[in-house]
Amino acid sequence: MTHSFNRLTTIAALDIGSSKVCCVIAKISRDKRINVVGYGYNASKGIKNGIVTDINQATLSVCNAVETAEQMANERIDRIIVNISGDKIKSIVKDATIAINKNRPVSEADITKVIEKGINKINVDEHELIHCLPTSYRLDMGDEIKDPRNIFGESLSVDILLGLVPEIQYRNLSTVIENAHLETAEKAFSAYASGLSCLVEDEKEIGATVIDIGGGSTEIIIGQGMNIRCSFSCQMGAVRLFQRIPIRDHGDLDAVEQIAADILTDKLLDYPVLSMPGSWRGTGGTFTTLAAMVKGIYWTDRTYMHGTVLTEADVARFERQLADMTLEQRKQLPGLQPNRADIVVHGICILRAIMRRMHIGQITVSEYGNLDGYFKRKYIMKKK
């Protein structure tokens, strides 16, 4: 039986990455609790760094993941939230300002009007618009405020964050989804969803920067409260660097780190006035592996990894230790998932390069990922 998303009973999300395709089906209770009832994943074929390279292979990867999740959940789905990832995505900020009646406070109609004005200024220019999110407001060109309603002023301004992906990339991905007999209910940047999943209540004021190290790319997301202020993707992932340069022992670490640092530095040139909040969070297999090793627990004990604080010294110690091990020795470590033994050091090199380049002393591990973020965006945030 297929449930409509509008009935708030069943929701499904699809994460199409460079190394794997994952589908998760969840039920949302009346008290807004998320209960995962089915999941499926398999190796990603026909997709590289978010770009479809083989329609048939990519369709088969999606179908296999969805079918496995459906069987576990005993549900059939035909609508799905789809992630968009890869280094071709970009985010930009547009602003708009309107005059308002100074004799009455800002109303919902004023907010709608200024947002619509901002949207009307958008020229996507051969891109698909994935996100169009108001991130902050100002009254009379003053400081940023979260919610201008019921406050007096003469002008109202808004900053709108746009998430864009090349139209051709999105068209090919849409073809894969359609060939799998699925309808795209919503679309979201993988980075955006990862950021939402990691942001917590106590960071509403200070904000947080989230790092998501994947197989093909690394996403960096700057957020405050439940808003994403900026997100970008770097062409460096654990699998991508593993395929590019081998690590035989710790003597090869500097070369891999330098590649990652150069890629990050080039990307930061696009954001000359970027301001980083003081709190840092990490999500993905690199972080959960390090958390398990720091705590000395098995990689399957995932609940105990959440909230683990990694220092730069921790990262450096395990980077060197793992680099000097053989593949078989790594596979015997209780904290390391065996199928990550070959790429784990490259992922840690990426993290070390980021920590050095961005002067990060410590980072907190989040067990939540982009699929959790999709669910939060669709059903938790919008109902508050």
Protein backbone atom coordinates (compact mmCIF):
# COMPACT_ATOMS: atom_id res chain seq x y z
CA MET A 1 0.00 0.00 0.00
CA THR A 2 1.35 3.43 -0.94
CA HIS A 3 0.89 6.27 1.53
CA SER A 4 0.74 9.89 0.41
CA PHE A 5 3.33 12.16 2.04
CA ASN A 6 0.48 14.56 2.80
CA ARG A 7 -0.98 12.07 5.28
CA LEU A 8 2.17 12.35 7.39
CA THR A 9 2.52 8.60 7.76
CA THR A 10 5.33 7.38 5.54
CA ILE A 11 8.28 9.17 4.00
CA ALA A 12 11.22 7.92 1.96
CA ALA A 13 14.56 9.45 1.06
CA LEU A 14 17.21 8.42 -1.43
CA ASP A 15 20.90 9.24 -1.04
CA ILE A 16 22.85 8.69 -4.26
CA GLY A 17 26.55 8.90 -3.55
CA SER A 18 29.74 8.02 -5.39
CA SER A 19 30.34 4.88 -3.33
CA LYS A 20 26.84 3.72 -2.41
CA VAL A 21 23.14 4.30 -2.97
CA CYS A 22 20.98 4.24 0.16
CA CYS A 23 17.21 4.35 0.60
CA VAL A 24 15.51 4.86 3.97
CA ILE A 25 11.80 4.58 4.70
CA ALA A 26 10.44 6.07 7.92
CA LYS A 27 7.16 6.71 9.64
CA ILE A 28 6.46 10.01 11.35
CA SER A 29 4.34 9.78 14.50
CA ARG A 30 1.86 12.41 15.62
CA ASP A 31 4.36 13.63 18.22
CA LYS A 32 6.91 14.16 15.38
CA ARG A 33 9.09 11.18 16.20
CA ILE A 34 10.93 9.57 13.29
CA ASN A 35 10.86 5.76 13.22
CA VAL A 36 12.94 4.10 10.50
CA VAL A 37 11.10 1.01 9.29
CA GLY A 38 13.21 0.03 6.30
CA TYR A 39 16.53 0.70 4.65
CA GLY A 40 18.52 -0.65 1.75
CA TYR A 41 21.86 0.12 0.20
CA ASN A 42 24.27 -1.23 -2.39
CA ALA A 43 27.34 -0.18 -4.31
CA SER A 44 26.82 2.87 -6.49
CA LYS A 45 27.29 2.09 -10.18
CA GLY A 46 26.87 4.44 -13.11
CA ILE A 47 27.33 7.52 -10.88
CA LYS A 48 30.51 9.44 -10.14
CA ASN A 49 30.62 12.46 -7.88
CA GLY A 50 26.90 13.13 -8.26
CA ILE A 51 27.01 12.88 -12.07
CA VAL A 52 25.29 10.06 -13.94
CA THR A 53 27.76 8.24 -16.20
CA ASP A 54 25.58 5.24 -17.11
CA ILE A 55 21.79 5.56 -17.01
CA ASN A 56 21.08 1.82 -16.90
CA GLN A 57 23.63 1.01 -14.21
CA ALA A 58 22.51 3.97 -12.09
CA THR A 59 18.85 2.97 -12.43
CA LEU A 60 19.66 -0.59 -11.32
CA SER A 61 21.55 0.71 -8.26
CA VAL A 62 18.56 2.85 -7.25
CA CYS A 63 16.04 0.04 -7.85
CA ASN A 64 18.03 -2.44 -5.76
CA ALA A 65 18.35 -0.05 -2.81
CA VAL A 66 14.67 0.93 -2.91
CA GLU A 67 13.46 -2.66 -3.24
CA THR A 68 15.51 -3.78 -0.23
CA ALA A 69 14.10 -0.93 1.87
CA GLU A 70 10.53 -1.70 0.73
CA GLN A 71 10.86 -5.36 1.67
CA MET A 72 12.11 -4.52 5.16
CA ALA A 73 9.41 -1.89 5.70
CA ASN A 74 6.63 -3.97 4.09
CA GLU A 75 5.69 -0.79 2.25
CA ARG A 76 5.69 0.15 -1.40
CA ILE A 77 6.79 3.69 -2.21
CA ASP A 78 6.39 5.70 -5.38
CA ARG A 79 7.46 9.16 -4.18
CA ILE A 80 10.83 9.97 -2.72
CA ILE A 81 13.04 12.81 -1.51
CA VAL A 82 16.22 12.82 -3.58
CA ASN A 83 19.61 14.20 -2.64
CA ILE A 84 21.69 16.32 -5.00
CA SER A 85 25.47 16.22 -4.54
CA GLY A 86 28.75 16.72 -6.33
CA ASP A 87 31.29 19.47 -6.83
CA LYS A 88 29.22 21.20 -9.53
CA ILE A 89 26.60 22.40 -7.07
CA LYS A 90 26.81 25.94 -5.76
CA SER A 91 25.08 28.26 -3.35
CA ILE A 92 24.70 32.02 -3.70
CA VAL A 93 22.89 34.68 -1.70
CA LYS A 94 20.43 37.20 -3.15
CA ASP A 95 18.87 40.08 -1.22
CA ALA A 96 15.69 42.11 -1.58
CA THR A 97 14.21 45.12 0.21
CA ILE A 98 10.71 46.59 0.38
CA ALA A 99 9.21 49.67 2.03
CA ILE A 100 6.74 48.91 4.81
CA ASN A 101 4.19 50.92 6.77
CA LYS A 102 6.01 52.41 9.75
CA ASN A 103 2.74 52.83 11.64
CA ARG A 104 2.13 49.10 12.02
CA PRO A 105 4.38 46.15 12.88
CA VAL A 106 5.73 43.75 10.27
CA SER A 107 3.11 41.22 9.22
CA GLU A 108 3.21 37.82 7.54
CA ALA A 109 2.12 39.55 4.34
CA ASP A 110 5.20 41.82 4.48
CA ILE A 111 7.48 38.80 4.83
CA THR A 112 5.81 37.04 1.92
CA LYS A 113 6.12 40.16 -0.22
CA VAL A 114 9.85 40.68 0.35
CA ILE A 115 10.60 36.99 -0.27
CA GLU A 116 8.60 37.05 -3.50
CA LYS A 117 10.52 40.11 -4.62
CA GLY A 118 13.78 38.30 -3.99
CA ILE A 119 12.61 35.21 -5.89
CA ASN A 120 11.55 37.34 -8.85
CA LYS A 121 15.13 38.64 -9.12
CA ILE A 122 16.54 35.12 -9.54
CA ASN A 123 18.07 34.14 -12.86
CA VAL A 124 19.09 30.48 -12.69
CA ASP A 125 20.98 30.62 -16.04
CA GLU A 126 20.98 26.97 -17.19
CA HIS A 127 20.80 25.70 -13.60
CA GLU A 128 18.11 23.84 -11.71
CA LEU A 129 17.01 25.65 -8.54
CA ILE A 130 17.13 23.16 -5.68
CA HIS A 131 16.77 25.47 -2.67
CA CYS A 132 15.41 28.96 -2.19
CA LEU A 133 15.71 29.67 1.54
CA PRO A 134 15.33 32.94 3.46
CA THR A 135 18.25 33.00 5.90
CA SER A 136 18.01 36.37 7.66
CA TYR A 137 16.03 39.62 7.83
CA ARG A 138 16.90 43.26 8.53
CA LEU A 139 14.78 46.24 9.47
CA ASP A 140 15.91 49.66 8.22
CA MET A 141 19.22 48.14 7.04
CA GLY A 142 20.16 47.34 10.62
CA ASP A 143 21.54 44.16 12.17
CA GLU A 144 20.26 40.70 11.25
CA ILE A 145 17.19 39.49 13.09
CA LYS A 146 15.62 36.04 13.15
CA ASP A 147 11.98 37.00 12.99
CA PRO A 148 10.83 40.53 12.10
CA ARG A 149 7.15 39.94 12.80
CA ASN A 150 5.47 42.38 15.20
CA ILE A 151 8.43 44.81 15.03
CA PHE A 152 8.08 48.34 13.62
CA GLY A 153 10.24 49.73 10.84
CA GLU A 154 10.23 51.56 7.51
CA SER A 155 11.97 48.97 5.33
CA LEU A 156 12.28 45.18 5.43
CA SER A 157 15.18 43.28 3.83
CA VAL A 158 15.78 39.57 3.37
CA ASP A 159 18.77 37.44 2.35
CA ILE A 160 17.83 34.37 0.30
CA LEU A 161 20.15 31.38 -0.08
CA LEU A 162 19.90 29.75 -3.51
CA GLY A 163 21.06 26.20 -4.15
CA LEU A 164 21.84 25.56 -7.83
CA VAL A 165 22.93 22.54 -9.85
CA PRO A 166 23.69 22.38 -13.60
CA GLU A 167 20.50 21.63 -15.52
CA ILE A 168 22.09 18.74 -17.47
CA GLN A 169 23.28 17.04 -14.27
CA TYR A 170 19.81 17.30 -12.75
CA ARG A 171 18.08 16.13 -15.94
CA ASN A 172 20.15 12.93 -16.04
CA LEU A 173 19.48 12.24 -12.38
CA SER A 174 15.75 12.81 -12.94
CA THR A 175 15.84 10.28 -15.77
CA VAL A 176 17.29 7.68 -13.42
CA ILE A 177 14.55 8.35 -10.85
CA GLU A 178 11.83 8.12 -13.50
CA ASN A 179 13.28 4.89 -14.92
CA ALA A 180 13.09 3.44 -11.41
CA HIS A 181 9.33 4.24 -11.48
CA LEU A 182 9.65 6.85 -8.76
CA GLU A 183 8.40 10.42 -8.51
CA THR A 184 10.59 13.11 -6.99
CA ALA A 185 8.53 14.46 -4.10
CA GLU A 186 11.24 16.88 -2.99
CA LYS A 187 14.89 17.52 -3.74
CA ALA A 188 17.61 18.72 -1.42
CA PHE A 189 21.34 19.26 -1.42
CA SER A 190 23.11 16.48 0.41
CA ALA A 191 25.21 19.11 2.20
CA TYR A 192 22.11 21.03 3.29
CA ALA A 193 20.47 17.92 4.70
CA SER A 194 23.65 16.90 6.53
CA GLY A 195 23.84 20.35 8.08
CA LEU A 196 20.26 20.21 9.28
CA SER A 197 20.77 16.80 10.86
CA CYS A 198 23.77 17.98 12.89
CA LEU A 199 22.63 21.41 14.12
CA VAL A 200 21.34 21.42 17.68
CA GLU A 201 19.38 23.82 19.84
CA ASP A 202 22.33 25.24 21.76
CA GLU A 203 23.93 26.37 18.50
CA LYS A 204 21.10 28.66 17.49
CA GLU A 205 23.10 31.69 18.56
CA ILE A 206 26.75 30.77 17.92
CA GLY A 207 26.13 28.63 14.83
CA ALA A 208 28.10 25.62 13.65
CA THR A 209 30.06 24.41 10.66
CA VAL A 210 29.43 20.84 9.54
CA ILE A 211 31.94 18.73 7.58
CA ASP A 212 30.62 15.73 5.66
CA ILE A 213 33.40 13.61 4.11
CA GLY A 214 32.02 11.30 1.44
CA GLY A 215 33.49 8.96 -1.11
CA GLY A 216 33.57 11.39 -4.03
CA SER A 217 33.41 14.81 -2.41
CA THR A 218 33.51 16.67 0.88
CA GLU A 219 30.71 19.03 1.83
CA ILE A 220 31.16 22.00 4.17
CA ILE A 221 28.01 23.56 5.58
CA ILE A 222 27.77 26.71 7.69
CA GLY A 223 24.60 26.94 9.73
CA GLN A 224 22.97 28.85 12.53
CA GLY A 225 20.00 27.44 14.37
CA MET A 226 17.91 25.66 11.76
CA ASN A 227 19.19 27.85 8.92
CA ILE A 228 21.94 26.99 6.45
CA ARG A 229 23.90 30.15 5.69
CA CYS A 230 26.28 28.68 3.12
CA SER A 231 27.29 25.30 1.73
CA PHE A 232 29.86 24.18 -0.80
CA SER A 233 31.35 20.97 -2.16
CA CYS A 234 35.03 20.17 -2.67
CA GLN A 235 36.37 17.66 -5.20
CA MET A 236 37.96 15.46 -2.58
CA GLY A 237 36.47 12.30 -1.10
CA ALA A 238 38.00 9.24 0.53
CA VAL A 239 37.42 7.07 -2.55
CA ARG A 240 38.51 9.77 -5.00
CA LEU A 241 41.86 10.38 -3.28
CA PHE A 242 42.38 6.64 -2.76
CA GLN A 243 42.11 6.17 -6.52
CA ARG A 244 44.40 9.12 -7.18
CA ILE A 245 47.37 8.46 -4.89
CA PRO A 246 48.31 5.43 -2.74
CA ILE A 247 49.32 5.52 0.92
CA ARG A 248 51.94 2.87 1.67
CA ASP A 249 52.97 4.21 5.08
CA HIS A 250 53.06 7.46 7.06
CA GLY A 251 55.65 8.88 4.67
CA ASP A 252 52.91 9.36 2.06
CA LEU A 253 50.56 11.32 4.33
CA ASP A 254 51.95 14.79 3.65
CA ALA A 255 51.44 14.45 -0.11
CA VAL A 256 47.79 13.39 0.27
CA GLU A 257 47.10 16.11 2.83
CA GLN A 258 48.63 18.71 0.53
CA ILE A 259 46.33 17.68 -2.33
CA ALA A 260 43.33 18.06 -0.03
CA ALA A 261 44.57 21.39 1.32
CA ASP A 262 45.10 22.76 -2.20
CA ILE A 263 41.60 21.74 -3.28
CA LEU A 264 40.08 23.40 -0.20
CA THR A 265 42.13 26.56 -0.66
CA ASP A 266 40.99 26.89 -4.28
CA LYS A 267 37.35 26.48 -3.24
CA LEU A 268 37.65 29.08 -0.47
CA LEU A 269 38.68 31.65 -3.08
CA ASP A 270 35.00 31.66 -4.14
CA TYR A 271 34.03 32.77 -0.61
CA PRO A 272 36.38 35.65 0.31
CA VAL A 273 34.25 36.98 3.17
CA LEU A 274 33.24 33.63 4.64
CA SER A 275 32.73 33.73 8.40
CA MET A 276 33.05 30.44 10.28
CA PRO A 277 31.19 29.86 13.56
CA GLY A 278 33.24 28.53 16.44
CA SER A 279 31.50 25.16 16.78
CA TRP A 280 32.42 22.28 14.43
CA ARG A 281 30.60 19.01 13.73
CA GLY A 282 31.53 16.07 11.54
CA THR A 283 29.39 13.40 9.92
CA GLY A 284 30.18 10.38 7.77
CA GLY A 285 32.23 7.20 7.98
CA THR A 286 35.57 8.92 8.61
CA PHE A 287 34.22 10.55 11.75
CA THR A 288 32.40 7.53 13.16
CA THR A 289 35.48 5.37 12.58
CA LEU A 290 37.67 7.81 14.49
CA ALA A 291 35.06 8.07 17.28
CA ALA A 292 34.98 4.29 17.68
CA MET A 293 38.78 4.12 17.82
CA VAL A 294 39.03 6.96 20.33
CA LYS A 295 36.49 5.24 22.59
CA GLY A 296 37.86 1.75 21.98
CA ILE A 297 34.48 0.34 20.95
CA TYR A 298 33.27 -1.76 18.04
CA TRP A 299 32.20 0.08 14.89
CA THR A 300 28.71 -1.43 15.29
CA ASP A 301 28.14 0.42 18.62
CA ARG A 302 27.06 3.52 16.73
CA THR A 303 24.93 5.06 19.51
CA TYR A 304 28.02 5.63 21.65
CA MET A 305 29.89 7.45 18.89
CA HIS A 306 27.51 10.40 18.76
CA GLY A 307 28.91 13.44 20.57
CA THR A 308 32.51 12.17 20.67
CA VAL A 309 34.98 15.05 20.56
CA LEU A 310 37.98 14.56 18.28
CA THR A 311 41.05 16.72 18.83
CA GLU A 312 43.64 17.42 16.15
CA ALA A 313 46.04 15.25 18.16
CA ASP A 314 43.58 12.33 18.04
CA VAL A 315 43.24 12.67 14.28
CA ALA A 316 47.00 12.86 13.74
CA ARG A 317 47.68 9.86 15.98
CA PHE A 318 45.25 7.51 14.28
CA GLU A 319 46.17 8.80 10.81
CA ARG A 320 49.80 7.73 11.35
CA GLN A 321 48.89 4.49 13.15
CA LEU A 322 46.56 3.30 10.37
CA ALA A 323 48.91 4.40 7.58
CA ASP A 324 51.63 2.09 8.91
CA MET A 325 49.29 -0.93 9.07
CA THR A 326 48.64 -3.41 6.31
CA LEU A 327 45.13 -3.71 4.90
CA GLU A 328 44.59 -6.99 6.74
CA GLN A 329 45.76 -5.47 10.03
CA ARG A 330 43.26 -2.63 9.65
CA LYS A 331 40.44 -5.08 9.00
CA GLN A 332 41.09 -6.70 12.38
CA LEU A 333 40.56 -3.46 14.31
CA PRO A 334 37.23 -3.53 16.20
CA GLY A 335 36.56 0.16 15.59
CA LEU A 336 37.02 -0.02 11.83
CA GLN A 337 34.34 -1.26 9.45
CA PRO A 338 36.20 -3.83 7.30
CA ASN A 339 34.94 -2.49 3.98
CA ARG A 340 36.37 0.94 4.84
CA ALA A 341 39.85 -0.39 5.62
CA ASP A 342 41.26 0.58 2.23
CA ILE A 343 39.97 4.18 2.10
CA VAL A 344 39.89 5.20 5.76
CA VAL A 345 43.37 6.80 5.84
CA HIS A 346 42.55 8.98 2.83
CA GLY A 347 39.40 10.18 4.61
CA ILE A 348 41.45 11.04 7.70
CA CYS A 349 43.96 12.91 5.53
CA ILE A 350 41.11 15.06 4.23
CA LEU A 351 39.97 15.80 7.78
CA ARG A 352 43.50 16.64 8.94
CA ALA A 353 43.98 19.00 5.99
CA ILE A 354 40.70 20.77 6.76
CA MET A 355 41.52 21.09 10.46
CA ARG A 356 44.90 22.61 9.67
CA ARG A 357 43.69 24.94 6.92
CA MET A 358 40.70 26.20 8.91
CA HIS A 359 42.42 26.20 12.32
CA ILE A 360 40.08 23.68 13.95
CA GLY A 361 41.25 22.49 17.36
CA GLN A 362 38.48 19.96 17.89
CA ILE A 363 35.36 18.67 16.20
CA THR A 364 32.29 16.86 17.54
CA VAL A 365 31.10 13.68 15.82
CA SER A 366 27.47 13.42 14.77
CA GLU A 367 25.93 10.05 14.03
CA TYR A 368 23.20 11.76 12.03
CA GLY A 369 23.56 12.08 8.27
CA ASN A 370 21.80 13.63 5.31
CA LEU A 371 18.88 11.17 5.36
CA ASP A 372 18.08 12.29 8.90
CA GLY A 373 18.25 15.86 7.65
CA TYR A 374 15.72 15.19 4.87
CA PHE A 375 13.21 13.92 7.40
CA LYS A 376 13.83 16.84 9.77
CA ARG A 377 13.37 19.33 6.92
CA LYS A 378 10.15 17.81 5.64
CA TYR A 379 8.27 16.98 8.81
CA ILE A 380 9.90 18.33 11.95
CA MET A 381 10.99 21.87 11.08
CA LYS A 382 7.94 22.79 9.02
CA LYS A 383 5.52 21.82 11.76
CA LYS A 384 7.02 23.92 14.52
